[in-house]
Amino acid sequence: MQTHEYYIKRCLQIAKNGLGTTRPNPMVGAVIVHNNSIIGEGFTSTYGGPHAEVNAVNSVKNKSLLKDSTIYVLLEPCSHFGKTPPCSDLIIKHSIPNVVIGCIDDNPEVAGKGVAKLKAHGCNVVVGVLEKECKEHLKRFFTYHNKKRPYIILKWAETEDSFIAPETKDKQQPVWITNTYSRQLVHKWRAEEQAILVGTNTVIEDNPSLTVRDYSGENPIRIVIDKSNKLDESYKIFDASAQTIRLTKNELDFNQPLTYQICGILHQYNINSVIIEGGAKILQTFIDEGLWDEARIFIGKTEFKSGIKAPNLNGRLISEKLIKEDLLKIYEND
């Protein structure tokens, strides 16, 4: 493996430590190398805190080594003042001569300006190392800025005979199709994404909390589509454990395609990723309107014989694996 690729791979590894905490900032990793040895590492702090480059520089014990070092970073160092000062200025301040970047930040506030500033101050800059892998890692950030909407993950569980729910049930709670390991994985996903969205019927039928309970992490923002404002405050989705945004006919025109309207509102709330958890109607709406990026589908060993059919999805299968006896299939939108 080439040296640049080796250290960018390390940046990708440590960047994942920021998953679910840096939003709306991208989760970036940075590595500082001197004489083929790593002398500093850092990843993006919780939103409002230092960026990866700052944490990497701060971790270097002997700062005099920086003037003979190379800093590797997944994303172009910022050149503007936000919650923190520009990272490109920090690199220049410490006279780090070599900068290797995974991919350019096409956020209009950056968009090559960081690279230009570094070059203007004499830095040797290399761009585009493992660019595809870096962009995949930063897909939430790029979708939010380029498409002006959140990264959309569809998620549901279906039985072996392709039902998502029974026709009727005795209690106001979910009827589980998957095992406890799959359900824990879902809670992990909730901690990783910024928001989770359901429709009115899911709240009425299941009374879900939509919080992170079987995993350690921050609760997502809860979005509920409640056309006629029929849900009262007694449902768990309105408790104090997480923020809830209710979208009614006051916010949405139900005579027009809904998904683009929903995404526009979520973008206004600075939400860069959302899990659509159902039910079948809202999932199928996103599928039919072609507005989704990834679908995560569990197939359990249960059979209902009849009930509410699972959504009909067209997409490219990119992986499948067993979670004990459950089969997890992941698709991307072509």
Protein backbone atom coordinates (compact mmCIF):
# COMPACT_ATOMS: atom_id res chain seq x y z
CA MET A 1 0.00 0.00 0.00
CA GLN A 2 1.27 3.48 -0.82
CA THR A 3 2.21 5.66 2.15
CA HIS A 4 -0.44 8.33 1.54
CA GLU A 5 -3.19 5.71 1.30
CA TYR A 6 -2.02 4.03 4.50
CA TYR A 7 -2.36 7.20 6.56
CA ILE A 8 -5.65 8.27 4.98
CA LYS A 9 -7.00 4.83 5.90
CA ARG A 10 -5.96 5.58 9.47
CA CYS A 11 -7.81 8.90 9.23
CA LEU A 12 -10.93 6.99 8.17
CA GLN A 13 -10.58 4.65 11.14
CA ILE A 14 -10.34 7.34 13.79
CA ALA A 15 -12.94 9.59 12.15
CA LYS A 16 -15.64 7.04 13.01
CA ASN A 17 -15.19 7.95 16.68
CA GLY A 18 -17.23 11.06 15.89
CA LEU A 19 -20.21 9.23 14.40
CA GLY A 20 -23.44 10.65 15.75
CA THR A 21 -21.83 13.52 17.72
CA THR A 22 -20.28 15.96 15.22
CA ARG A 23 -23.42 16.81 13.21
CA PRO A 24 -24.02 19.03 11.38
CA ASN A 25 -20.22 19.11 11.03
CA PRO A 26 -18.59 16.25 9.10
CA MET A 27 -16.83 13.50 11.05
CA VAL A 28 -13.20 13.93 10.05
CA GLY A 29 -9.98 12.25 11.11
CA ALA A 30 -6.48 13.72 10.98
CA VAL A 31 -3.04 12.14 11.41
CA ILE A 32 0.34 13.87 11.73
CA VAL A 33 3.42 11.97 10.55
CA HIS A 34 7.10 12.73 11.18
CA ASN A 35 9.84 10.53 9.71
CA ASN A 36 7.31 7.77 8.92
CA SER A 37 5.99 7.71 12.49
CA ILE A 38 2.62 8.98 13.70
CA ILE A 39 3.17 11.71 16.28
CA GLY A 40 -0.40 13.01 16.51
CA GLU A 41 -3.99 12.00 15.81
CA GLY A 42 -7.39 13.60 16.21
CA PHE A 43 -11.02 13.42 15.16
CA THR A 44 -13.80 16.00 15.11
CA SER A 45 -15.14 16.82 18.55
CA THR A 46 -18.80 17.11 19.47
CA TYR A 47 -20.40 20.00 17.55
CA GLY A 48 -18.99 23.31 18.69
CA GLY A 49 -15.69 21.77 19.78
CA PRO A 50 -12.32 21.58 18.00
CA HIS A 51 -12.01 20.05 14.54
CA ALA A 52 -9.87 17.01 13.76
CA GLU A 53 -6.81 19.02 12.72
CA VAL A 54 -6.84 20.99 15.98
CA ASN A 55 -7.10 17.84 18.09
CA ALA A 56 -4.30 16.21 16.09
CA VAL A 57 -1.97 19.20 16.54
CA ASN A 58 -2.81 19.44 20.23
CA SER A 59 -1.90 15.77 20.69
CA VAL A 60 1.65 16.31 19.45
CA LYS A 61 3.94 16.54 22.48
CA ASN A 62 6.94 18.09 20.72
CA LYS A 63 5.49 20.89 18.60
CA SER A 64 8.91 21.64 17.08
CA LEU A 65 8.51 18.49 14.97
CA LEU A 66 5.51 19.97 13.16
CA LYS A 67 7.65 22.08 10.81
CA ASP A 68 9.08 18.85 9.35
CA SER A 69 5.85 16.82 9.31
CA THR A 70 2.95 15.87 7.06
CA ILE A 71 -0.66 16.21 8.16
CA TYR A 72 -3.17 13.81 6.62
CA VAL A 73 -6.85 14.76 6.77
CA LEU A 74 -10.00 13.29 5.21
CA LEU A 75 -11.54 16.59 4.17
CA GLU A 76 -10.12 19.88 2.99
CA PRO A 77 -9.22 22.03 6.03
CA CYS A 78 -11.73 24.84 6.53
CA SER A 79 -10.74 28.40 5.69
CA HIS A 80 -13.59 30.30 7.36
CA PHE A 81 -14.63 31.20 10.89
CA GLY A 82 -17.55 29.17 12.22
CA LYS A 83 -17.89 27.84 15.76
CA THR A 84 -14.07 27.54 15.68
CA PRO A 85 -11.21 29.34 13.84
CA PRO A 86 -10.07 28.10 10.40
CA CYS A 87 -8.03 24.88 10.48
CA SER A 88 -5.99 26.03 7.48
CA ASP A 89 -4.73 28.94 9.61
CA LEU A 90 -3.62 26.51 12.30
CA ILE A 91 -1.60 24.47 9.80
CA ILE A 92 0.04 27.64 8.51
CA LYS A 93 0.72 28.90 12.05
CA HIS A 94 2.66 25.74 12.91
CA SER A 95 4.48 25.73 9.55
CA ILE A 96 3.41 22.19 8.69
CA PRO A 97 4.93 21.89 5.20
CA ASN A 98 2.98 18.96 3.74
CA VAL A 99 -0.78 18.46 3.65
CA VAL A 100 -2.45 15.34 2.18
CA ILE A 101 -6.23 15.55 1.74
CA GLY A 102 -8.74 12.81 0.98
CA CYS A 103 -11.33 14.99 -0.75
CA ILE A 104 -12.28 18.61 -1.36
CA ASP A 105 -15.01 20.18 0.76
CA ASP A 106 -17.57 21.47 -1.75
CA ASN A 107 -19.44 23.41 0.90
CA PRO A 108 -19.50 26.89 -0.74
CA GLU A 109 -17.85 28.39 2.36
CA VAL A 110 -14.79 26.18 1.72
CA ALA A 111 -14.82 24.69 -1.82
CA GLY A 112 -11.10 24.82 -2.55
CA LYS A 113 -10.41 27.97 -0.55
CA GLY A 114 -8.61 26.00 2.15
CA VAL A 115 -6.29 24.40 -0.39
CA ALA A 116 -5.67 27.75 -2.07
CA LYS A 117 -4.75 29.38 1.23
CA LEU A 118 -2.36 26.55 2.15
CA LYS A 119 -0.62 26.72 -1.24
CA ALA A 120 -0.37 30.49 -1.02
CA HIS A 121 1.59 30.06 2.21
CA GLY A 122 4.01 27.55 0.69
CA CYS A 123 2.45 24.24 1.74
CA ASN A 124 2.84 21.21 -0.50
CA VAL A 125 -0.72 19.97 -0.94
CA VAL A 126 -1.84 16.60 -2.31
CA VAL A 127 -5.58 16.12 -2.94
CA GLY A 128 -7.69 13.08 -3.83
CA VAL A 129 -6.10 10.22 -1.89
CA LEU A 130 -8.75 7.48 -1.45
CA GLU A 131 -11.26 10.09 -2.58
CA LYS A 132 -14.08 7.59 -3.20
CA GLU A 133 -13.73 6.06 0.27
CA CYS A 134 -13.59 9.49 1.90
CA LYS A 135 -16.72 10.70 0.09
CA GLU A 136 -18.56 7.52 1.08
CA HIS A 137 -17.59 8.09 4.70
CA LEU A 138 -18.79 11.71 4.48
CA LYS A 139 -21.99 10.89 2.56
CA ARG A 140 -24.28 12.54 5.11
CA PHE A 141 -22.34 15.79 4.97
CA PHE A 142 -22.14 15.88 1.18
CA THR A 143 -25.81 14.96 0.68
CA TYR A 144 -26.87 17.74 3.05
CA HIS A 145 -24.77 20.40 1.31
CA ASN A 146 -25.06 19.27 -2.31
CA LYS A 147 -28.67 18.08 -2.45
CA LYS A 148 -30.05 20.38 0.25
CA ARG A 149 -31.65 17.50 2.08
CA PRO A 150 -30.74 14.90 4.69
CA TYR A 151 -29.18 11.53 3.85
CA ILE A 152 -32.21 9.21 3.85
CA ILE A 153 -32.13 5.68 5.26
CA LEU A 154 -35.22 3.49 4.90
CA LYS A 155 -35.52 0.80 7.54
CA TRP A 156 -38.04 -1.93 8.18
CA ALA A 157 -38.43 -5.55 9.24
CA GLU A 158 -40.53 -8.04 7.30
CA THR A 159 -41.55 -11.64 7.78
CA GLU A 160 -40.44 -14.52 5.61
CA ASP A 161 -43.77 -14.20 3.80
CA SER A 162 -43.19 -10.44 3.20
CA PHE A 163 -45.47 -8.80 5.75
CA ILE A 164 -44.43 -5.78 7.80
CA ALA A 165 -47.24 -6.02 10.38
CA PRO A 166 -50.28 -8.19 11.18
CA GLU A 167 -53.76 -7.07 10.17
CA THR A 168 -54.86 -6.72 13.78
CA LYS A 169 -53.28 -6.97 17.22
CA ASP A 170 -54.37 -6.97 20.83
CA LYS A 171 -51.98 -4.41 22.34
CA GLN A 172 -50.71 -0.93 21.45
CA GLN A 173 -47.09 -2.03 21.00
CA PRO A 174 -44.88 -3.43 18.23
CA VAL A 175 -45.21 -7.03 17.13
CA TRP A 176 -41.58 -8.12 16.91
CA ILE A 177 -40.39 -9.78 13.73
CA THR A 178 -36.67 -9.74 14.52
CA ASN A 179 -34.50 -10.95 17.39
CA THR A 180 -32.95 -8.94 20.23
CA TYR A 181 -29.60 -8.62 18.42
CA SER A 182 -31.23 -7.00 15.40
CA ARG A 183 -33.19 -4.66 17.65
CA GLN A 184 -29.99 -3.61 19.43
CA LEU A 185 -28.43 -2.86 16.05
CA VAL A 186 -31.39 -0.62 15.22
CA HIS A 187 -30.78 1.33 18.43
CA LYS A 188 -27.14 1.72 17.42
CA TRP A 189 -28.32 3.16 14.09
CA ARG A 190 -30.60 5.59 15.91
CA ALA A 191 -27.60 6.88 17.86
CA GLU A 192 -25.69 7.38 14.61
CA GLU A 193 -28.31 9.39 12.72
CA GLN A 194 -29.68 12.81 13.51
CA ALA A 195 -33.41 12.15 13.11
CA ILE A 196 -36.02 9.42 12.83
CA LEU A 197 -39.36 9.75 11.03
CA VAL A 198 -42.69 7.89 11.29
CA GLY A 199 -46.29 8.45 10.31
CA THR A 200 -49.44 8.85 12.38
CA ASN A 201 -50.54 5.20 12.14
CA THR A 202 -47.24 3.91 13.51
CA VAL A 203 -47.63 6.12 16.58
CA ILE A 204 -51.26 5.06 17.11
CA GLU A 205 -50.62 1.34 16.58
CA ASP A 206 -47.26 0.95 18.36
CA ASN A 207 -46.86 3.98 20.64
CA PRO A 208 -43.07 3.90 20.09
CA SER A 209 -40.51 5.97 21.99
CA LEU A 210 -38.09 6.13 19.03
CA THR A 211 -35.21 6.63 21.45
CA VAL A 212 -31.85 4.92 22.04
CA ARG A 213 -32.27 2.38 24.84
CA ASP A 214 -30.36 -0.80 23.96
CA TYR A 215 -27.21 1.10 23.02
CA SER A 216 -25.22 4.06 24.33
CA GLY A 217 -25.77 7.25 22.38
CA GLU A 218 -27.79 10.39 21.84
CA ASN A 219 -31.49 10.17 21.02
CA PRO A 220 -32.40 11.25 17.48
CA ILE A 221 -34.80 14.08 16.77
CA ARG A 222 -38.25 12.52 16.30
CA ILE A 223 -40.28 13.56 13.25
CA VAL A 224 -43.95 12.58 13.00
CA ILE A 225 -46.20 13.15 9.99
CA ASP A 226 -49.56 13.98 11.56
CA LYS A 227 -51.75 15.40 8.79
CA SER A 228 -54.86 16.21 10.83
CA ASN A 229 -53.12 16.84 14.16
CA LYS A 230 -54.89 13.83 15.67
CA LEU A 231 -52.10 12.73 18.02
CA ASP A 232 -52.41 13.98 21.59
CA GLU A 233 -49.55 14.58 24.02
CA SER A 234 -50.06 11.25 25.83
CA TYR A 235 -48.06 9.32 23.24
CA LYS A 236 -44.46 8.47 24.11
CA ILE A 237 -43.17 10.29 21.05
CA PHE A 238 -44.03 13.58 22.78
CA ASP A 239 -42.25 12.89 26.07
CA ALA A 240 -39.23 14.88 27.24
CA SER A 241 -36.58 12.30 26.30
CA ALA A 242 -35.94 13.84 22.85
CA GLN A 243 -37.01 16.69 20.61
CA THR A 244 -40.09 15.98 18.47
CA ILE A 245 -41.13 17.85 15.33
CA ARG A 246 -44.75 17.40 14.24
CA LEU A 247 -45.55 18.04 10.57
CA THR A 248 -49.26 18.63 9.83
CA LYS A 249 -51.29 20.04 6.96
CA ASN A 250 -50.15 23.45 8.20
CA GLU A 251 -46.58 22.60 7.13
CA LEU A 252 -47.23 20.16 4.28
CA ASP A 253 -49.48 20.27 1.22
CA PHE A 254 -50.86 16.72 1.14
CA ASN A 255 -52.16 17.27 -2.41
CA GLN A 256 -48.56 17.55 -3.66
CA PRO A 257 -45.63 15.07 -3.52
CA LEU A 258 -44.68 14.90 0.13
CA THR A 259 -41.10 13.71 0.31
CA TYR A 260 -39.49 16.80 -1.21
CA GLN A 261 -41.52 19.01 1.11
CA ILE A 262 -40.46 16.93 4.12
CA CYS A 263 -36.81 17.05 3.10
CA GLY A 264 -36.98 20.81 2.59
CA ILE A 265 -38.28 21.27 6.13
CA LEU A 266 -35.66 18.92 7.60
CA HIS A 267 -32.94 20.83 5.77
CA GLN A 268 -34.23 24.05 7.36
CA TYR A 269 -33.79 22.34 10.74
CA ASN A 270 -30.15 21.56 9.76
CA ILE A 271 -30.84 17.81 9.87
CA ASN A 272 -28.27 15.96 7.76
CA SER A 273 -29.54 12.38 8.15
CA VAL A 274 -32.84 10.68 8.87
CA ILE A 275 -34.07 7.12 9.31
CA ILE A 276 -37.55 6.50 7.89
CA GLU A 277 -38.96 3.79 10.17
CA GLY A 278 -42.41 3.45 8.78
CA GLY A 279 -45.03 2.31 8.51
CA ALA A 280 -45.49 0.83 5.10
CA LYS A 281 -47.34 3.81 3.63
CA ILE A 282 -44.71 6.46 4.38
CA LEU A 283 -41.89 4.09 3.38
CA GLN A 284 -43.55 3.36 0.04
CA THR A 285 -44.09 7.09 -0.54
CA PHE A 286 -40.34 7.74 -0.29
CA ILE A 287 -39.65 4.75 -2.56
CA ASP A 288 -42.23 5.75 -5.17
CA GLU A 289 -40.95 9.31 -5.29
CA GLY A 290 -37.38 8.02 -5.61
CA LEU A 291 -36.14 10.00 -2.63
CA TRP A 292 -33.94 7.69 -0.58
CA ASP A 293 -30.25 6.81 -0.40
CA GLU A 294 -30.03 3.55 1.52
CA ALA A 295 -32.47 0.84 2.64
CA ARG A 296 -31.82 -1.54 5.54
CA ILE A 297 -34.24 -4.44 5.56
CA PHE A 298 -34.43 -7.22 8.15
CA ILE A 299 -36.09 -10.50 7.19
CA GLY A 300 -37.11 -12.49 10.24
CA LYS A 301 -38.08 -16.13 10.57
CA THR A 302 -41.65 -15.23 11.53
CA GLU A 303 -44.65 -15.75 9.21
CA PHE A 304 -47.91 -13.80 9.51
CA LYS A 305 -49.81 -15.52 6.64
CA SER A 306 -51.70 -12.22 6.17
CA GLY A 307 -51.35 -8.59 7.15
CA ILE A 308 -49.79 -5.38 5.87
CA LYS A 309 -47.47 -6.09 2.97
CA ALA A 310 -43.86 -4.93 3.13
CA PRO A 311 -42.87 -2.04 0.82
CA ASN A 312 -41.91 -2.85 -2.75
CA LEU A 313 -38.32 -1.69 -3.26
CA ASN A 314 -36.21 -1.33 -6.39
CA GLY A 315 -32.56 -0.79 -5.58
CA ARG A 316 -29.10 -2.30 -5.83
CA LEU A 317 -28.24 -4.88 -3.18
CA ILE A 318 -24.85 -3.94 -1.73
CA SER A 319 -24.60 -6.35 1.23
CA GLU A 320 -26.37 -9.01 3.19
CA LYS A 321 -25.51 -10.78 6.43
CA LEU A 322 -27.06 -12.88 9.14
CA ILE A 323 -27.85 -11.41 12.57
CA LYS A 324 -28.29 -14.78 14.27
CA GLU A 325 -31.33 -16.13 12.39
CA ASP A 326 -32.37 -12.74 10.92
CA LEU A 327 -31.18 -11.75 7.45
CA LEU A 328 -30.15 -8.11 6.99
CA LYS A 329 -30.12 -6.78 3.42
CA ILE A 330 -28.77 -3.33 2.58
CA TYR A 331 -29.62 -1.60 -0.70
CA GLU A 332 -28.63 1.67 -2.30
CA ASN A 333 -30.75 3.78 -4.63
CA ASP A 334 -29.61 3.49 -8.24
